Amino acid sequence: MLPGRVEALGEGVTRFAVGDRVFGMPWFPRQAGAYAECLTCPSRQLAAAPDSLDDARAAGLPLAGLIAWQSLIDTAAVKPGDRVLTQAAAGGAGNLAVQTPRTRAPT
């Protein structure tokens, strides 16, 4: 999981520009070398980091988000209209689970 800035672009990459702030989980579930000063990965494994998201939160978001998504969508097969009880949504995955569009109460 990394927050960082785009230093260079490979051929055909149009999603980002040099200098863009990005975060993601490159090469998951393999080791990506995210503690390295620089690394390469497919651009689809990254997302643009909004200015409102600091580096510490950007680093934790991908794994917590993946846990929430896989639990609700891939494993439980939650569909629009299903009711889901999320107890103690105080941690990263629980907090994101209650924000997942398929689990939100209709407005």
PDB file of N, CA and C in Angstrom:
ATOM      1  N   MET A   1       0.844  -1.159   0.000  1.00  0.00           N
ATOM      2  CA  MET A   1       0.000   0.000   0.000  1.00  0.00           C
ATOM      3  C   MET A   1       0.892   1.224   0.000  1.00  0.00           C
ATOM      4  N   LEU A   2       0.613   2.074  -0.940  1.00  0.00           N
ATOM      5  CA  LEU A   2       1.503   3.209  -0.991  1.00  0.00           C
ATOM      6  C   LEU A   2       0.778   4.465  -1.392  1.00  0.00           C
ATOM      7  N   PRO A   3       1.175   5.561  -0.812  1.00  0.00           N
ATOM      8  CA  PRO A   3       0.885   6.853  -1.400  1.00  0.00           C
ATOM      9  C   PRO A   3       2.186   7.340  -2.025  1.00  0.00           C
ATOM     10  N   GLY A   4       2.093   8.066  -3.080  1.00  0.00           N
ATOM     11  CA  GLY A   4       3.298   8.581  -3.698  1.00  0.00           C
ATOM     12  C   GLY A   4       2.959   9.486  -4.866  1.00  0.00           C
ATOM     13  N   ARG A   5       3.959   9.826  -5.631  1.00  0.00           N
ATOM     14  CA  ARG A   5       3.788  10.684  -6.809  1.00  0.00           C
ATOM     15  C   ARG A   5       4.300   9.952  -8.036  1.00  0.00           C
ATOM     16  N   VAL A   6       3.640  10.190  -9.130  1.00  0.00           N
ATOM     17  CA  VAL A   6       4.044   9.602 -10.407  1.00  0.00           C
ATOM     18  C   VAL A   6       5.329  10.300 -10.854  1.00  0.00           C
ATOM     19  N   GLU A   7       6.360   9.497 -11.089  1.00  0.00           N
ATOM     20  CA  GLU A   7       7.650  10.040 -11.535  1.00  0.00           C
ATOM     21  C   GLU A   7       7.829   9.927 -13.044  1.00  0.00           C
ATOM     22  N   ALA A   8       7.237   8.900 -13.631  1.00  0.00           N
ATOM     23  CA  ALA A   8       7.348   8.680 -15.076  1.00  0.00           C
ATOM     24  C   ALA A   8       6.183   7.819 -15.511  1.00  0.00           C
ATOM     25  N   LEU A   9       5.872   7.864 -16.790  1.00  0.00           N
ATOM     26  CA  LEU A   9       4.759   7.098 -17.330  1.00  0.00           C
ATOM     27  C   LEU A   9       5.243   6.144 -18.408  1.00  0.00           C
ATOM     28  N   GLY A  10       4.652   4.958 -18.403  1.00  0.00           N
ATOM     29  CA  GLY A  10       4.954   4.005 -19.457  1.00  0.00           C
ATOM     30  C   GLY A  10       4.142   4.313 -20.702  1.00  0.00           C
ATOM     31  N   GLU A  11       4.463   3.642 -21.765  1.00  0.00           N
ATOM     32  CA  GLU A  11       3.776   3.843 -23.032  1.00  0.00           C
ATOM     33  C   GLU A  11       2.276   3.562 -22.894  1.00  0.00           C
ATOM     34  N   GLY A  12       1.465   4.472 -23.377  1.00  0.00           N
ATOM     35  CA  GLY A  12       0.024   4.278 -23.393  1.00  0.00           C
ATOM     36  C   GLY A  12      -0.705   4.667 -22.114  1.00  0.00           C
ATOM     37  N   VAL A  13       0.005   5.077 -21.080  1.00  0.00           N
ATOM     38  CA  VAL A  13      -0.663   5.463 -19.833  1.00  0.00           C
ATOM     39  C   VAL A  13      -1.254   6.856 -20.000  1.00  0.00           C
ATOM     40  N   THR A  14      -2.578   6.947 -19.818  1.00  0.00           N
ATOM     41  CA  THR A  14      -3.268   8.230 -19.981  1.00  0.00           C
ATOM     42  C   THR A  14      -4.023   8.647 -18.725  1.00  0.00           C
ATOM     43  N   ARG A  15      -4.087   7.771 -17.735  1.00  0.00           N
ATOM     44  CA  ARG A  15      -4.856   8.054 -16.514  1.00  0.00           C
ATOM     45  C   ARG A  15      -4.180   9.063 -15.605  1.00  0.00           C
ATOM     46  N   PHE A  16      -2.860   9.160 -15.684  1.00  0.00           N
ATOM     47  CA  PHE A  16      -2.102  10.010 -14.772  1.00  0.00           C
ATOM     48  C   PHE A  16      -1.111  10.861 -15.546  1.00  0.00           C
ATOM     49  N   ALA A  17      -0.614  11.875 -14.859  1.00  0.00           N
ATOM     50  CA  ALA A  17       0.455  12.718 -15.393  1.00  0.00           C
ATOM     51  C   ALA A  17       1.602  12.705 -14.389  1.00  0.00           C
ATOM     52  N   VAL A  18       2.783  12.998 -14.859  1.00  0.00           N
ATOM     53  CA  VAL A  18       3.930  13.086 -13.965  1.00  0.00           C
ATOM     54  C   VAL A  18       3.613  14.117 -12.879  1.00  0.00           C
ATOM     55  N   GLY A  19       3.873  13.746 -11.630  1.00  0.00           N
ATOM     56  CA  GLY A  19       3.610  14.619 -10.495  1.00  0.00           C
ATOM     57  C   GLY A  19       2.294  14.339  -9.794  1.00  0.00           C
ATOM     58  N   ASP A  20       1.394  13.570 -10.413  1.00  0.00           N
ATOM     59  CA  ASP A  20       0.120  13.249  -9.767  1.00  0.00           C
ATOM     60  C   ASP A  20       0.357  12.446  -8.494  1.00  0.00           C
ATOM     61  N   ARG A  21      -0.434  12.728  -7.463  1.00  0.00           N
ATOM     62  CA  ARG A  21      -0.414  11.959  -6.217  1.00  0.00           C
ATOM     63  C   ARG A  21      -1.306  10.744  -6.401  1.00  0.00           C
ATOM     64  N   VAL A  22      -0.777   9.571  -6.086  1.00  0.00           N
ATOM     65  CA  VAL A  22      -1.518   8.325  -6.271  1.00  0.00           C
ATOM     66  C   VAL A  22      -1.374   7.436  -5.045  1.00  0.00           C
ATOM     67  N   PHE A  23      -2.275   6.441  -4.951  1.00  0.00           N
ATOM     68  CA  PHE A  23      -2.165   5.424  -3.920  1.00  0.00           C
ATOM     69  C   PHE A  23      -2.735   4.137  -4.482  1.00  0.00           C
ATOM     70  N   GLY A  24      -2.395   3.013  -3.850  1.00  0.00           N
ATOM     71  CA  GLY A  24      -2.911   1.730  -4.314  1.00  0.00           C
ATOM     72  C   GLY A  24      -2.188   0.569  -3.670  1.00  0.00           C
ATOM     73  N   MET A  25      -2.458  -0.612  -4.211  1.00  0.00           N
ATOM     74  CA  MET A  25      -1.814  -1.848  -3.734  1.00  0.00           C
ATOM     75  C   MET A  25      -1.185  -2.545  -4.936  1.00  0.00           C
ATOM     76  N   PRO A  26      -0.052  -2.034  -5.401  1.00  0.00           N
ATOM     77  CA  PRO A  26       0.548  -2.612  -6.607  1.00  0.00           C
ATOM     78  C   PRO A  26       0.978  -4.056  -6.406  1.00  0.00           C
ATOM     79  N   TRP A  27       0.678  -4.839  -7.417  1.00  0.00           N
ATOM     80  CA  TRP A  27       1.071  -6.245  -7.499  1.00  0.00           C
ATOM     81  C   TRP A  27       0.441  -7.125  -6.423  1.00  0.00           C
ATOM     82  N   PHE A  28      -0.597  -6.659  -5.719  1.00  0.00           N
ATOM     83  CA  PHE A  28      -1.243  -7.460  -4.682  1.00  0.00           C
ATOM     84  C   PHE A  28      -1.734  -8.776  -5.281  1.00  0.00           C
ATOM     85  N   PRO A  29      -1.539  -9.913  -4.647  1.00  0.00           N
ATOM     86  CA  PRO A  29      -1.044 -10.133  -3.292  1.00  0.00           C
ATOM     87  C   PRO A  29       0.458 -10.402  -3.222  1.00  0.00           C
ATOM     88  N   ARG A  30       1.171 -10.194  -4.312  1.00  0.00           N
ATOM     89  CA  ARG A  30       2.622 -10.382  -4.268  1.00  0.00           C
ATOM     90  C   ARG A  30       3.293  -9.173  -3.627  1.00  0.00           C
ATOM     91  N   GLN A  31       4.528  -9.349  -3.241  1.00  0.00           N
ATOM     92  CA  GLN A  31       5.292  -8.261  -2.643  1.00  0.00           C
ATOM     93  C   GLN A  31       5.635  -7.244  -3.724  1.00  0.00           C
ATOM     94  N   ALA A  32       5.356  -5.974  -3.444  1.00  0.00           N
ATOM     95  CA  ALA A  32       5.538  -4.937  -4.457  1.00  0.00           C
ATOM     96  C   ALA A  32       6.790  -4.105  -4.247  1.00  0.00           C
ATOM     97  N   GLY A  33       7.405  -4.194  -3.092  1.00  0.00           N
ATOM     98  CA  GLY A  33       8.562  -3.345  -2.820  1.00  0.00           C
ATOM     99  C   GLY A  33       8.144  -1.912  -2.532  1.00  0.00           C
ATOM    100  N   ALA A  34       6.983  -1.739  -1.880  1.00  0.00           N
ATOM    101  CA  ALA A  34       6.454  -0.393  -1.636  1.00  0.00           C
ATOM    102  C   ALA A  34       7.297   0.404  -0.656  1.00  0.00           C
ATOM    103  N   TYR A  35       8.225  -0.231   0.026  1.00  0.00           N
ATOM    104  CA  TYR A  35       9.122   0.521   0.899  1.00  0.00           C
ATOM    105  C   TYR A  35      10.304   1.072   0.112  1.00  0.00           C
ATOM    106  N   ALA A  36      10.389   0.715  -1.148  1.00  0.00           N
ATOM    107  CA  ALA A  36      11.463   1.217  -1.995  1.00  0.00           C
ATOM    108  C   ALA A  36      11.214   2.695  -2.312  1.00  0.00           C
ATOM    109  N   GLU A  37      12.242   3.361  -2.722  1.00  0.00           N
ATOM    110  CA  GLU A  37      12.086   4.763  -3.088  1.00  0.00           C
ATOM    111  C   GLU A  37      11.215   4.907  -4.335  1.00  0.00           C
ATOM    112  N   CYS A  38      11.365   3.990  -5.268  1.00  0.00           N
ATOM    113  CA  CYS A  38      10.578   4.000  -6.503  1.00  0.00           C
ATOM    114  C   CYS A  38      10.161   2.575  -6.836  1.00  0.00           C
ATOM    115  N   LEU A  39       9.021   2.423  -7.516  1.00  0.00           N
ATOM    116  CA  LEU A  39       8.596   1.121  -8.006  1.00  0.00           C
ATOM    117  C   LEU A  39       7.776   1.315  -9.258  1.00  0.00           C
ATOM    118  N   THR A  40       7.603   0.252 -10.009  1.00  0.00           N
ATOM    119  CA  THR A  40       6.770   0.288 -11.196  1.00  0.00           C
ATOM    120  C   THR A  40       5.583  -0.638 -10.993  1.00  0.00           C
ATOM    121  N   CYS A  41       4.474  -0.294 -11.623  1.00  0.00           N
ATOM    122  CA  CYS A  41       3.286  -1.141 -11.568  1.00  0.00           C
ATOM    123  C   CYS A  41       2.329  -0.707 -12.665  1.00  0.00           C
ATOM    124  N   PRO A  42       1.367  -1.574 -12.992  1.00  0.00           N
ATOM    125  CA  PRO A  42       0.351  -1.165 -13.970  1.00  0.00           C
ATOM    126  C   PRO A  42      -0.475   0.005 -13.416  1.00  0.00           C
ATOM    127  N   SER A  43      -0.803   0.949 -14.256  1.00  0.00           N
ATOM    128  CA  SER A  43      -1.539   2.132 -13.800  1.00  0.00           C
ATOM    129  C   SER A  43      -2.915   1.769 -13.253  1.00  0.00           C
ATOM    130  N   ARG A  44      -3.511   0.669 -13.698  1.00  0.00           N
ATOM    131  CA  ARG A  44      -4.842   0.284 -13.207  1.00  0.00           C
ATOM    132  C   ARG A  44      -4.815  -0.141 -11.738  1.00  0.00           C
ATOM    133  N   GLN A  45      -3.629  -0.353 -11.176  1.00  0.00           N
ATOM    134  CA  GLN A  45      -3.522  -0.737  -9.768  1.00  0.00           C
ATOM    135  C   GLN A  45      -3.386   0.474  -8.852  1.00  0.00           C
ATOM    136  N   LEU A  46      -3.529   1.655  -9.408  1.00  0.00           N
ATOM    137  CA  LEU A  46      -3.416   2.889  -8.629  1.00  0.00           C
ATOM    138  C   LEU A  46      -4.660   3.740  -8.815  1.00  0.00           C
ATOM    139  N   ALA A  47      -4.882   4.637  -7.883  1.00  0.00           N
ATOM    140  CA  ALA A  47      -5.968   5.615  -7.963  1.00  0.00           C
ATOM    141  C   ALA A  47      -5.395   6.986  -7.640  1.00  0.00           C
ATOM    142  N   ALA A  48      -6.017   7.999  -8.180  1.00  0.00           N
ATOM    143  CA  ALA A  48      -5.601   9.365  -7.863  1.00  0.00           C
ATOM    144  C   ALA A  48      -5.947   9.656  -6.409  1.00  0.00           C
ATOM    145  N   ALA A  49      -5.023  10.250  -5.696  1.00  0.00           N
ATOM    146  CA  ALA A  49      -5.241  10.601  -4.285  1.00  0.00           C
ATOM    147  C   ALA A  49      -5.798  12.014  -4.213  1.00  0.00           C
ATOM    148  N   PRO A  50      -7.008  12.164  -3.669  1.00  0.00           N
ATOM    149  CA  PRO A  50      -7.551  13.522  -3.538  1.00  0.00           C
ATOM    150  C   PRO A  50      -6.745  14.334  -2.523  1.00  0.00           C
ATOM    151  N   ASP A  51      -6.757  15.635  -2.679  1.00  0.00           N
ATOM    152  CA  ASP A  51      -6.014  16.514  -1.767  1.00  0.00           C
ATOM    153  C   ASP A  51      -6.473  16.355  -0.320  1.00  0.00           C
ATOM    154  N   SER A  52      -7.733  15.965  -0.125  1.00  0.00           N
ATOM    155  CA  SER A  52      -8.270  15.827   1.239  1.00  0.00           C
ATOM    156  C   SER A  52      -7.792  14.562   1.942  1.00  0.00           C
ATOM    157  N   LEU A  53      -7.094  13.683   1.235  1.00  0.00           N
ATOM    158  CA  LEU A  53      -6.613  12.412   1.794  1.00  0.00           C
ATOM    159  C   LEU A  53      -5.116  12.506   2.058  1.00  0.00           C
ATOM    160  N   ASP A  54      -4.727  12.522   3.345  1.00  0.00           N
ATOM    161  CA  ASP A  54      -3.303  12.609   3.659  1.00  0.00           C
ATOM    162  C   ASP A  54      -2.622  11.262   3.389  1.00  0.00           C
ATOM    163  N   ASP A  55      -1.299  11.259   3.398  1.00  0.00           N
ATOM    164  CA  ASP A  55      -0.538  10.058   3.050  1.00  0.00           C
ATOM    165  C   ASP A  55      -0.823   8.882   3.979  1.00  0.00           C
ATOM    166  N   ALA A  56      -0.965   9.123   5.267  1.00  0.00           N
ATOM    167  CA  ALA A  56      -1.210   8.030   6.218  1.00  0.00           C
ATOM    168  C   ALA A  56      -2.539   7.346   5.920  1.00  0.00           C
ATOM    169  N   ARG A  57      -3.567   8.109   5.648  1.00  0.00           N
ATOM    170  CA  ARG A  57      -4.872   7.517   5.331  1.00  0.00           C
ATOM    171  C   ARG A  57      -4.859   6.857   3.959  1.00  0.00           C
ATOM    172  N   ALA A  58      -4.155   7.465   3.022  1.00  0.00           N
ATOM    173  CA  ALA A  58      -4.048   6.872   1.684  1.00  0.00           C
ATOM    174  C   ALA A  58      -3.354   5.511   1.745  1.00  0.00           C
ATOM    175  N   ALA A  59      -2.386   5.372   2.630  1.00  0.00           N
ATOM    176  CA  ALA A  59      -1.661   4.101   2.750  1.00  0.00           C
ATOM    177  C   ALA A  59      -2.543   3.002   3.332  1.00  0.00           C
ATOM    178  N   GLY A  60      -3.482   3.346   4.203  1.00  0.00           N
ATOM    179  CA  GLY A  60      -4.336   2.344   4.830  1.00  0.00           C
ATOM    180  C   GLY A  60      -5.609   2.036   4.074  1.00  0.00           C
ATOM    181  N   LEU A  61      -6.017   2.907   3.202  1.00  0.00           N
ATOM    182  CA  LEU A  61      -7.293   2.750   2.512  1.00  0.00           C
ATOM    183  C   LEU A  61      -7.384   1.534   1.595  1.00  0.00           C
ATOM    184  N   PRO A  62      -6.389   1.208   0.794  1.00  0.00           N
ATOM    185  CA  PRO A  62      -6.562   0.097  -0.137  1.00  0.00           C
ATOM    186  C   PRO A  62      -6.853  -1.249   0.529  1.00  0.00           C
ATOM    187  N   LEU A  63      -6.135  -1.616   1.559  1.00  0.00           N
ATOM    188  CA  LEU A  63      -6.362  -2.916   2.183  1.00  0.00           C
ATOM    189  C   LEU A  63      -7.692  -2.950   2.925  1.00  0.00           C
ATOM    190  N   ALA A  64      -8.005  -1.902   3.671  1.00  0.00           N
ATOM    191  CA  ALA A  64      -9.289  -1.860   4.381  1.00  0.00           C
ATOM    192  C   ALA A  64     -10.447  -1.884   3.382  1.00  0.00           C
ATOM    193  N   GLY A  65     -10.313  -1.156   2.298  1.00  0.00           N
ATOM    194  CA  GLY A  65     -11.350  -1.145   1.267  1.00  0.00           C
ATOM    195  C   GLY A  65     -11.509  -2.496   0.609  1.00  0.00           C
ATOM    196  N   LEU A  66     -10.407  -3.164   0.350  1.00  0.00           N
ATOM    197  CA  LEU A  66     -10.460  -4.498  -0.254  1.00  0.00           C
ATOM    198  C   LEU A  66     -11.134  -5.495   0.682  1.00  0.00           C
ATOM    199  N   ILE A  67     -10.832  -5.430   1.960  1.00  0.00           N
ATOM    200  CA  ILE A  67     -11.472  -6.324   2.934  1.00  0.00           C
ATOM    201  C   ILE A  67     -12.982  -6.086   2.949  1.00  0.00           C
ATOM    202  N   ALA A  68     -13.405  -4.830   3.002  1.00  0.00           N
ATOM    203  CA  ALA A  68     -14.834  -4.511   3.026  1.00  0.00           C
ATOM    204  C   ALA A  68     -15.515  -5.006   1.758  1.00  0.00           C
ATOM    205  N   TRP A  69     -14.925  -4.723   0.609  1.00  0.00           N
ATOM    206  CA  TRP A  69     -15.524  -5.118  -0.676  1.00  0.00           C
ATOM    207  C   TRP A  69     -15.609  -6.637  -0.807  1.00  0.00           C
ATOM    208  N   GLN A  70     -14.509  -7.322  -0.539  1.00  0.00           N
ATOM    209  CA  GLN A  70     -14.520  -8.783  -0.682  1.00  0.00           C
ATOM    210  C   GLN A  70     -15.505  -9.431   0.285  1.00  0.00           C
ATOM    211  N   SER A  71     -15.593  -8.912   1.498  1.00  0.00           N
ATOM    212  CA  SER A  71     -16.510  -9.483   2.487  1.00  0.00           C
ATOM    213  C   SER A  71     -17.961  -9.325   2.050  1.00  0.00           C
ATOM    214  N   LEU A  72     -18.311  -8.132   1.621  1.00  0.00           N
ATOM    215  CA  LEU A  72     -19.707  -7.847   1.289  1.00  0.00           C
ATOM    216  C   LEU A  72     -20.106  -8.299  -0.112  1.00  0.00           C
ATOM    217  N   ILE A  73     -19.306  -7.984  -1.075  1.00  0.00           N
ATOM    218  CA  ILE A  73     -19.688  -8.206  -2.463  1.00  0.00           C
ATOM    219  C   ILE A  73     -19.266  -9.586  -2.960  1.00  0.00           C
ATOM    220  N   ASP A  74     -17.999  -9.928  -2.785  1.00  0.00           N
ATOM    221  CA  ASP A  74     -17.516 -11.207  -3.301  1.00  0.00           C
ATOM    222  C   ASP A  74     -17.975 -12.400  -2.473  1.00  0.00           C
ATOM    223  N   THR A  75     -17.885 -12.313  -1.148  1.00  0.00           N
ATOM    224  CA  THR A  75     -18.206 -13.450  -0.284  1.00  0.00           C
ATOM    225  C   THR A  75     -19.686 -13.517   0.063  1.00  0.00           C
ATOM    226  N   ALA A  76     -20.251 -12.431   0.568  1.00  0.00           N
ATOM    227  CA  ALA A  76     -21.657 -12.441   0.992  1.00  0.00           C
ATOM    228  C   ALA A  76     -22.621 -12.195  -0.164  1.00  0.00           C
ATOM    229  N   ALA A  77     -22.117 -11.759  -1.305  1.00  0.00           N
ATOM    230  CA  ALA A  77     -22.938 -11.496  -2.495  1.00  0.00           C
ATOM    231  C   ALA A  77     -24.089 -10.536  -2.195  1.00  0.00           C
ATOM    232  N   VAL A  78     -23.805  -9.494  -1.433  1.00  0.00           N
ATOM    233  CA  VAL A  78     -24.814  -8.491  -1.101  1.00  0.00           C
ATOM    234  C   VAL A  78     -25.257  -7.797  -2.387  1.00  0.00           C
ATOM    235  N   LYS A  79     -26.566  -7.665  -2.537  1.00  0.00           N
ATOM    236  CA  LYS A  79     -27.145  -7.020  -3.707  1.00  0.00           C
ATOM    237  C   LYS A  79     -27.912  -5.772  -3.279  1.00  0.00           C
ATOM    238  N   PRO A  80     -28.170  -4.864  -4.203  1.00  0.00           N
ATOM    239  CA  PRO A  80     -28.963  -3.682  -3.847  1.00  0.00           C
ATOM    240  C   PRO A  80     -30.283  -4.107  -3.197  1.00  0.00           C
ATOM    241  N   GLY A  81     -30.631  -3.449  -2.108  1.00  0.00           N
ATOM    242  CA  GLY A  81     -31.850  -3.767  -1.386  1.00  0.00           C
ATOM    243  C   GLY A  81     -31.654  -4.730  -0.227  1.00  0.00           C
ATOM    244  N   ASP A  82     -30.541  -5.475  -0.197  1.00  0.00           N
ATOM    245  CA  ASP A  82     -30.252  -6.367   0.931  1.00  0.00           C
ATOM    246  C   ASP A  82     -29.966  -5.525   2.171  1.00  0.00           C
ATOM    247  N   ARG A  83     -30.287  -6.085   3.324  1.00  0.00           N
ATOM    248  CA  ARG A  83     -29.970  -5.419   4.586  1.00  0.00           C
ATOM    249  C   ARG A  83     -28.743  -6.084   5.188  1.00  0.00           C
ATOM    250  N   VAL A  84     -27.846  -5.263   5.691  1.00  0.00           N
ATOM    251  CA  VAL A  84     -26.597  -5.752   6.270  1.00  0.00           C
ATOM    252  C   VAL A  84     -26.405  -5.088   7.624  1.00  0.00           C
ATOM    253  N   LEU A  85     -26.087  -5.884   8.623  1.00  0.00           N
ATOM    254  CA  LEU A  85     -25.763  -5.341   9.937  1.00  0.00           C
ATOM    255  C   LEU A  85     -24.250  -5.338  10.080  1.00  0.00           C
ATOM    256  N   THR A  86     -23.695  -4.172  10.277  1.00  0.00           N
ATOM    257  CA  THR A  86     -22.268  -4.037  10.513  1.00  0.00           C
ATOM    258  C   THR A  86     -22.102  -3.579  11.947  1.00  0.00           C
ATOM    259  N   GLN A  87     -21.574  -4.452  12.783  1.00  0.00           N
ATOM    260  CA  GLN A  87     -21.383  -4.101  14.186  1.00  0.00           C
ATOM    261  C   GLN A  87     -20.018  -3.467  14.386  1.00  0.00           C
ATOM    262  N   ALA A  88     -19.986  -2.465  15.221  1.00  0.00           N
ATOM    263  CA  ALA A  88     -18.736  -1.801  15.590  1.00  0.00           C
ATOM    264  C   ALA A  88     -17.965  -1.347  14.354  1.00  0.00           C
ATOM    265  N   ALA A  89     -18.589  -0.515  13.566  1.00  0.00           N
ATOM    266  CA  ALA A  89     -17.955  -0.023  12.340  1.00  0.00           C
ATOM    267  C   ALA A  89     -16.947   1.073  12.647  1.00  0.00           C
ATOM    268  N   ALA A  90     -16.099   0.822  13.642  1.00  0.00           N
ATOM    269  CA  ALA A  90     -15.137   1.830  14.072  1.00  0.00           C
ATOM    270  C   ALA A  90     -13.766   1.623  13.442  1.00  0.00           C
ATOM    271  N   GLY A  91     -13.493   0.433  12.940  1.00  0.00           N
ATOM    272  CA  GLY A  91     -12.206   0.159  12.308  1.00  0.00           C
ATOM    273  C   GLY A  91     -12.235   0.515  10.832  1.00  0.00           C
ATOM    274  N   GLY A  92     -11.135   0.289  10.166  1.00  0.00           N
ATOM    275  CA  GLY A  92     -11.035   0.639   8.753  1.00  0.00           C
ATOM    276  C   GLY A  92     -12.019  -0.102   7.875  1.00  0.00           C
ATOM    277  N   ALA A  93     -12.051  -1.437   7.959  1.00  0.00           N
ATOM    278  CA  ALA A  93     -12.926  -2.224   7.088  1.00  0.00           C
ATOM    279  C   ALA A  93     -14.395  -1.979   7.422  1.00  0.00           C
ATOM    280  N   GLY A  94     -14.754  -1.938   8.693  1.00  0.00           N
ATOM    281  CA  GLY A  94     -16.143  -1.702   9.082  1.00  0.00           C
ATOM    282  C   GLY A  94     -16.619  -0.323   8.678  1.00  0.00           C
ATOM    283  N   ASN A  95     -15.765   0.659   8.846  1.00  0.00           N
ATOM    284  CA  ASN A  95     -16.101   2.026   8.451  1.00  0.00           C
ATOM    285  C   ASN A  95     -16.393   2.082   6.953  1.00  0.00           C
ATOM    286  N   LEU A  96     -15.587   1.417   6.155  1.00  0.00           N
ATOM    287  CA  LEU A  96     -15.810   1.420   4.710  1.00  0.00           C
ATOM    288  C   LEU A  96     -16.985   0.535   4.318  1.00  0.00           C
ATOM    289  N   ALA A  97     -17.239  -0.530   5.079  1.00  0.00           N
ATOM    290  CA  ALA A  97     -18.363  -1.419   4.765  1.00  0.00           C
ATOM    291  C   ALA A  97     -19.684  -0.660   4.813  1.00  0.00           C
ATOM    292  N   VAL A  98     -19.851   0.203   5.803  1.00  0.00           N
ATOM    293  CA  VAL A  98     -21.118   0.934   5.900  1.00  0.00           C
ATOM    294  C   VAL A  98     -21.228   2.028   4.840  1.00  0.00           C
ATOM    295  N   GLN A  99     -20.134   2.309   4.157  1.00  0.00           N
ATOM    296  CA  GLN A  99     -20.163   3.302   3.089  1.00  0.00           C
ATOM    297  C   GLN A  99     -20.238   2.682   1.702  1.00  0.00           C
ATOM    298  N   THR A 100     -20.189   1.358   1.632  1.00  0.00           N
ATOM    299  CA  THR A 100     -20.261   0.671   0.338  1.00  0.00           C
ATOM    300  C   THR A 100     -21.652   0.887  -0.252  1.00  0.00           C
ATOM    301  N   PRO A 101     -21.747   1.367  -1.486  1.00  0.00           N
ATOM    302  CA  PRO A 101     -23.060   1.719  -2.038  1.00  0.00           C
ATOM    303  C   PRO A 101     -24.108   0.616  -1.957  1.00  0.00           C
ATOM    304  N   ARG A 102     -23.752  -0.617  -2.113  1.00  0.00           N
ATOM    305  CA  ARG A 102     -24.748  -1.694  -2.083  1.00  0.00           C
ATOM    306  C   ARG A 102     -25.278  -1.962  -0.687  1.00  0.00           C
ATOM    307  N   THR A 103     -24.640  -1.426   0.347  1.00  0.00           N
ATOM    308  CA  THR A 103     -25.091  -1.698   1.705  1.00  0.00           C
ATOM    309  C   THR A 103     -25.748  -0.496   2.348  1.00  0.00           C
ATOM    310  N   ARG A 104     -25.821   0.603   1.671  1.00  0.00           N
ATOM    311  CA  ARG A 104     -26.395   1.819   2.247  1.00  0.00           C
ATOM    312  C   ARG A 104     -27.911   1.754   2.199  1.00  0.00           C
ATOM    313  N   ALA A 105     -28.527   2.320   3.194  1.00  0.00           N
ATOM    314  CA  ALA A 105     -29.987   2.374   3.235  1.00  0.00           C
ATOM    315  C   ALA A 105     -30.489   3.308   2.140  1.00  0.00           C
ATOM    316  N   PRO A 106     -31.627   2.966   1.528  1.00  0.00           N
ATOM    317  CA  PRO A 106     -32.181   3.866   0.508  1.00  0.00           C
ATOM    318  C   PRO A 106     -32.528   5.220   1.121  1.00  0.00           C
ATOM    319  N   THR A 107     -32.346   6.276   0.369  1.00  0.00           N
ATOM    320  CA  THR A 107     -32.658   7.616   0.864  1.00  0.00           C
ATOM    321  C   THR A 107     -33.938   8.125   0.268  1.00  0.00           C
TER     322      THR A 107
END
